[in-house]
């Protein structure tokens, strides 16, 4: 059973994933403005989808109250990227 804090956070992420993803991407572009020019529209959309995917997995990890689940997901993604 999920505690109230996790339930609230999980619901907030789930209900606002598009908004949060767009805010994250805008912050990322502020940090690395060259990506706005470097990425074409397909790459920008894939980047946005990637952020949403991470947020969705983060939300799922919160909903089952498992930091380990999320950190293992991140480790796995790094491992796959290195292959």
Protein backbone atom coordinates (compact mmCIF):
# COMPACT_ATOMS: atom_id res chain seq x y z
CA UNK A 1 0.00 0.00 0.00
CA UNK A 2 1.27 3.44 -0.96
CA UNK A 3 1.71 6.10 1.72
CA UNK A 4 -0.10 9.42 1.27
CA UNK A 5 3.00 11.39 0.30
CA UNK A 6 3.96 8.89 -2.37
CA UNK A 7 0.38 8.74 -3.61
CA UNK A 8 0.22 12.53 -3.92
CA UNK A 9 3.57 12.78 -5.68
CA UNK A 10 2.75 9.87 -7.96
CA UNK A 11 -0.57 11.42 -8.95
CA UNK A 12 1.03 14.83 -9.54
CA UNK A 13 3.60 13.33 -11.89
CA UNK A 14 1.05 11.14 -13.66
CA UNK A 15 -1.37 14.04 -14.16
CA UNK A 16 1.30 16.51 -15.27
CA UNK A 17 3.83 14.41 -17.15
CA UNK A 18 3.49 16.46 -20.36
CA UNK A 19 3.85 19.77 -18.51
CA UNK A 20 6.82 18.56 -16.45
CA UNK A 21 8.53 17.09 -19.52
CA UNK A 22 8.20 20.38 -21.39
CA UNK A 23 9.50 22.32 -18.38
CA UNK A 24 12.46 19.95 -18.07
CA UNK A 25 13.29 20.23 -21.75
CA UNK A 26 13.13 24.03 -21.59
CA UNK A 27 15.51 24.02 -18.63
CA UNK A 28 17.81 21.67 -20.51
CA UNK A 29 17.79 24.01 -23.52
CA UNK A 30 18.69 26.92 -21.21
CA UNK A 31 21.68 24.93 -19.98
CA UNK A 32 22.65 23.74 -23.47
CA UNK A 33 21.11 26.23 -25.93
CA UNK A 34 23.11 24.75 -28.82
CA UNK A 35 20.77 21.76 -28.75
CA UNK A 36 17.91 23.92 -30.02
CA UNK A 37 19.83 24.43 -33.24
CA UNK A 38 21.57 21.05 -33.30
CA UNK A 39 18.43 18.91 -32.93
CA UNK A 40 15.95 18.61 -35.78
CA UNK A 41 12.22 18.32 -35.02
CA UNK A 42 12.31 14.50 -34.90
CA UNK A 43 15.24 14.56 -32.45
CA UNK A 44 13.48 17.15 -30.29
CA UNK A 45 10.36 14.96 -30.17
CA UNK A 46 12.44 11.89 -29.27
CA UNK A 47 14.18 13.89 -26.54
CA UNK A 48 10.77 14.89 -25.16
CA UNK A 49 9.60 11.25 -25.29
CA UNK A 50 12.77 10.19 -23.48
CA UNK A 51 12.06 12.65 -20.68
CA UNK A 52 8.45 11.46 -20.43
CA UNK A 53 9.63 7.87 -20.26
CA UNK A 54 11.94 8.70 -17.37
CA UNK A 55 9.18 10.60 -15.58
CA UNK A 56 6.77 7.70 -16.04
CA UNK A 57 9.28 5.25 -14.62
CA UNK A 58 10.04 7.64 -11.77
CA UNK A 59 6.31 7.87 -11.03
CA UNK A 60 5.98 4.08 -11.05
CA UNK A 61 8.91 3.75 -8.67
CA UNK A 62 7.32 6.26 -6.31
CA UNK A 63 3.98 4.49 -6.48
CA UNK A 64 5.59 1.23 -5.26
CA UNK A 65 7.83 3.13 -2.81
CA UNK A 66 11.06 1.78 -4.30
CA UNK A 67 14.11 3.96 -4.75
CA UNK A 68 16.00 0.80 -5.62
CA UNK A 69 13.70 0.18 -8.59
CA UNK A 70 14.40 3.63 -10.03
CA UNK A 71 18.13 3.52 -9.40
CA UNK A 72 18.36 0.09 -11.03
CA UNK A 73 16.48 1.51 -14.02
CA UNK A 74 19.03 4.33 -14.30
CA UNK A 75 21.93 1.88 -13.98
CA UNK A 76 20.40 -0.33 -16.67
CA UNK A 77 19.90 2.64 -19.01
CA UNK A 78 23.56 3.62 -18.55
CA UNK A 79 24.67 0.06 -19.22
CA UNK A 80 22.63 -0.13 -22.42
CA UNK A 81 23.95 3.25 -23.54
CA UNK A 82 27.52 2.06 -23.08
CA UNK A 83 27.01 -1.02 -25.27
